[in-house]
Amino acid sequence: MGKFRLVLASPRQPDTPRLVAEHLDPGWLKQRGYEIARTLGDAAAVWAARPEGDAPQLALHCRTGHALAIVAE
């Protein structure tokens, strides 16, 4: 089992996401993503699965234009 990464893309630079956290438990990263969304002013953001290449990702899009994703290493 590998690590998972939480990445954040800002609306100004959507093609250059930055690494926010790494963890073995994607559930922990999911909770951290909710905390980040709340700090960005979007308490109603919901994670959604999206197919991306070979491995599916979880994505969370905030009303501010920020996007978070959990990707497998």
N, C-alpha and C. Protein backbone atom coordinates (compact mmCIF):
# COMPACT_ATOMS: atom_id res chain seq x y z
N MET A 1 0.84 -1.17 0.00
CA MET A 1 0.00 0.00 0.00
C MET A 1 0.88 1.23 0.00
N GLY A 2 0.61 2.17 -0.90
CA GLY A 2 1.44 3.36 -1.02
C GLY A 2 0.84 4.56 -0.32
N LYS A 3 1.51 5.67 -0.51
CA LYS A 3 1.06 6.92 0.07
C LYS A 3 0.02 7.56 -0.84
N PHE A 4 -0.77 8.41 -0.23
CA PHE A 4 -1.72 9.22 -0.96
C PHE A 4 -1.32 10.68 -0.78
N ARG A 5 -1.65 11.50 -1.77
CA ARG A 5 -1.29 12.92 -1.72
C ARG A 5 -2.53 13.78 -1.85
N LEU A 6 -2.55 14.86 -1.10
CA LEU A 6 -3.60 15.86 -1.21
C LEU A 6 -2.97 17.05 -1.92
N VAL A 7 -3.52 17.40 -3.07
CA VAL A 7 -2.98 18.52 -3.85
C VAL A 7 -4.05 19.60 -3.99
N LEU A 8 -3.60 20.84 -4.06
CA LEU A 8 -4.48 22.00 -4.16
C LEU A 8 -4.12 22.79 -5.40
N ALA A 9 -5.13 23.10 -6.21
CA ALA A 9 -4.94 23.95 -7.38
C ALA A 9 -5.71 25.25 -7.14
N SER A 10 -5.04 26.37 -7.33
CA SER A 10 -5.70 27.66 -7.15
C SER A 10 -6.34 28.09 -8.47
N PRO A 11 -7.33 28.97 -8.42
CA PRO A 11 -7.96 29.41 -9.65
C PRO A 11 -7.01 30.22 -10.54
N ARG A 12 -5.97 30.81 -9.95
CA ARG A 12 -5.00 31.59 -10.74
C ARG A 12 -4.05 30.69 -11.52
N GLN A 13 -3.74 29.52 -10.97
CA GLN A 13 -2.82 28.58 -11.60
C GLN A 13 -3.38 27.16 -11.53
N PRO A 14 -4.45 26.87 -12.28
CA PRO A 14 -5.09 25.55 -12.16
C PRO A 14 -4.24 24.40 -12.69
N ASP A 15 -3.28 24.67 -13.55
CA ASP A 15 -2.45 23.61 -14.13
C ASP A 15 -1.22 23.30 -13.30
N THR A 16 -1.00 24.02 -12.21
CA THR A 16 0.16 23.77 -11.36
C THR A 16 -0.29 23.56 -9.92
N PRO A 17 -0.85 22.37 -9.64
CA PRO A 17 -1.28 22.11 -8.26
C PRO A 17 -0.09 21.97 -7.33
N ARG A 18 -0.31 22.31 -6.07
CA ARG A 18 0.79 22.18 -5.10
C ARG A 18 0.42 21.14 -4.06
N LEU A 19 1.42 20.44 -3.60
CA LEU A 19 1.25 19.38 -2.61
C LEU A 19 0.93 20.01 -1.26
N VAL A 20 -0.15 19.55 -0.64
CA VAL A 20 -0.55 20.05 0.67
C VAL A 20 -0.16 19.06 1.76
N ALA A 21 -0.38 17.75 1.50
CA ALA A 21 -0.09 16.74 2.51
C ALA A 21 0.07 15.37 1.86
N GLU A 22 0.79 14.49 2.56
CA GLU A 22 0.92 13.09 2.18
C GLU A 22 0.55 12.25 3.39
N HIS A 23 -0.11 11.11 3.14
CA HIS A 23 -0.49 10.25 4.25
C HIS A 23 -0.79 8.86 3.72
N LEU A 24 -0.71 7.87 4.58
CA LEU A 24 -1.06 6.50 4.19
C LEU A 24 -2.56 6.27 4.17
N ASP A 25 -3.31 7.07 4.91
CA ASP A 25 -4.75 6.92 5.04
C ASP A 25 -5.47 8.01 4.22
N PRO A 26 -6.15 7.63 3.12
CA PRO A 26 -6.85 8.65 2.33
C PRO A 26 -8.00 9.29 3.12
N GLY A 27 -8.54 8.60 4.12
CA GLY A 27 -9.58 9.19 4.96
C GLY A 27 -9.08 10.40 5.73
N TRP A 28 -7.84 10.33 6.19
CA TRP A 28 -7.24 11.46 6.90
C TRP A 28 -7.10 12.65 5.95
N LEU A 29 -6.68 12.38 4.71
CA LEU A 29 -6.53 13.45 3.72
C LEU A 29 -7.88 14.05 3.35
N LYS A 30 -8.90 13.21 3.32
CA LYS A 30 -10.24 13.68 3.02
C LYS A 30 -10.70 14.69 4.09
N GLN A 31 -10.47 14.35 5.35
CA GLN A 31 -10.83 15.26 6.44
C GLN A 31 -10.03 16.55 6.35
N ARG A 32 -8.76 16.44 6.05
CA ARG A 32 -7.91 17.64 5.91
C ARG A 32 -8.42 18.51 4.76
N GLY A 33 -8.88 17.89 3.68
CA GLY A 33 -9.44 18.63 2.55
C GLY A 33 -10.69 19.41 2.95
N TYR A 34 -11.55 18.79 3.79
CA TYR A 34 -12.73 19.50 4.28
C TYR A 34 -12.31 20.72 5.11
N GLU A 35 -11.29 20.56 5.94
CA GLU A 35 -10.81 21.67 6.76
C GLU A 35 -10.29 22.81 5.88
N ILE A 36 -9.57 22.48 4.83
CA ILE A 36 -9.06 23.50 3.90
C ILE A 36 -10.22 24.19 3.20
N ALA A 37 -11.21 23.43 2.75
CA ALA A 37 -12.38 24.02 2.08
C ALA A 37 -13.10 25.00 3.01
N ARG A 38 -13.23 24.63 4.28
CA ARG A 38 -13.88 25.54 5.24
C ARG A 38 -13.08 26.83 5.41
N THR A 39 -11.75 26.74 5.43
CA THR A 39 -10.95 27.95 5.57
C THR A 39 -11.05 28.82 4.32
N LEU A 40 -11.38 28.21 3.19
CA LEU A 40 -11.57 28.97 1.95
C LEU A 40 -13.00 29.51 1.83
N GLY A 41 -13.83 29.25 2.85
CA GLY A 41 -15.18 29.78 2.88
C GLY A 41 -16.24 28.89 2.25
N ASP A 42 -15.95 27.62 2.06
CA ASP A 42 -16.92 26.71 1.45
C ASP A 42 -17.17 25.51 2.36
N ALA A 43 -18.08 25.67 3.30
CA ALA A 43 -18.38 24.60 4.24
C ALA A 43 -19.26 23.52 3.62
N ALA A 44 -19.84 23.78 2.44
CA ALA A 44 -20.75 22.83 1.82
C ALA A 44 -20.09 22.00 0.72
N ALA A 45 -18.79 22.11 0.55
CA ALA A 45 -18.09 21.37 -0.50
C ALA A 45 -18.18 19.87 -0.23
N VAL A 46 -18.32 19.08 -1.30
CA VAL A 46 -18.48 17.63 -1.19
C VAL A 46 -17.48 16.94 -2.12
N TRP A 47 -16.85 15.88 -1.62
CA TRP A 47 -15.92 15.10 -2.43
C TRP A 47 -16.70 14.33 -3.49
N ALA A 48 -16.12 14.21 -4.68
CA ALA A 48 -16.72 13.42 -5.76
C ALA A 48 -15.63 12.63 -6.46
N ALA A 49 -15.96 11.41 -6.88
CA ALA A 49 -14.99 10.58 -7.60
C ALA A 49 -14.93 11.04 -9.05
N ARG A 50 -13.72 11.05 -9.60
CA ARG A 50 -13.57 11.35 -11.02
C ARG A 50 -12.49 10.45 -11.60
N PRO A 51 -12.76 9.84 -12.74
CA PRO A 51 -11.72 9.00 -13.36
C PRO A 51 -10.63 9.89 -13.95
N GLU A 52 -9.41 9.59 -13.65
CA GLU A 52 -8.28 10.37 -14.13
C GLU A 52 -7.17 9.40 -14.47
N GLY A 53 -7.02 9.05 -15.74
CA GLY A 53 -5.98 8.10 -16.13
C GLY A 53 -6.32 6.71 -15.64
N ASP A 54 -5.33 6.00 -15.14
CA ASP A 54 -5.53 4.63 -14.68
C ASP A 54 -6.14 4.57 -13.28
N ALA A 55 -5.80 5.51 -12.43
CA ALA A 55 -6.26 5.48 -11.05
C ALA A 55 -7.33 6.55 -10.82
N PRO A 56 -8.49 6.19 -10.26
CA PRO A 56 -9.50 7.21 -9.97
C PRO A 56 -9.03 8.14 -8.86
N GLN A 57 -9.54 9.34 -8.87
CA GLN A 57 -9.19 10.34 -7.87
C GLN A 57 -10.45 10.82 -7.18
N LEU A 58 -10.26 11.34 -5.99
CA LEU A 58 -11.33 12.07 -5.31
C LEU A 58 -11.05 13.55 -5.52
N ALA A 59 -12.07 14.31 -5.88
CA ALA A 59 -11.89 15.73 -6.15
C ALA A 59 -12.92 16.53 -5.36
N LEU A 60 -12.51 17.70 -4.92
CA LEU A 60 -13.37 18.61 -4.18
C LEU A 60 -13.18 19.99 -4.80
N HIS A 61 -14.23 20.58 -5.30
CA HIS A 61 -14.17 21.91 -5.93
C HIS A 61 -14.87 22.92 -5.04
N CYS A 62 -14.16 23.97 -4.68
CA CYS A 62 -14.70 25.00 -3.81
C CYS A 62 -15.34 26.11 -4.64
N ARG A 63 -16.27 26.83 -4.04
CA ARG A 63 -16.92 27.95 -4.72
C ARG A 63 -15.93 29.04 -5.06
N THR A 64 -14.80 29.09 -4.38
CA THR A 64 -13.80 30.12 -4.63
C THR A 64 -12.98 29.82 -5.89
N GLY A 65 -13.17 28.64 -6.47
CA GLY A 65 -12.41 28.26 -7.65
C GLY A 65 -11.25 27.33 -7.34
N HIS A 66 -10.94 27.15 -6.06
CA HIS A 66 -9.88 26.23 -5.67
C HIS A 66 -10.36 24.79 -5.86
N ALA A 67 -9.44 23.90 -6.16
CA ALA A 67 -9.77 22.49 -6.32
C ALA A 67 -8.76 21.66 -5.54
N LEU A 68 -9.27 20.68 -4.81
CA LEU A 68 -8.44 19.74 -4.07
C LEU A 68 -8.63 18.37 -4.67
N ALA A 69 -7.58 17.57 -4.66
CA ALA A 69 -7.67 16.20 -5.17
C ALA A 69 -6.80 15.29 -4.32
N ILE A 70 -7.27 14.06 -4.15
CA ILE A 70 -6.48 13.03 -3.48
C ILE A 70 -6.04 12.07 -4.57
N VAL A 71 -4.74 11.91 -4.71
CA VAL A 71 -4.18 11.04 -5.73
C VAL A 71 -3.28 9.99 -5.09
N ALA A 72 -3.24 8.82 -5.69
CA ALA A 72 -2.34 7.75 -5.20
C ALA A 72 -0.95 8.01 -5.74
N GLU A 73 0.03 7.71 -4.93
CA GLU A 73 1.43 7.92 -5.33
C GLU A 73 1.84 6.90 -6.33
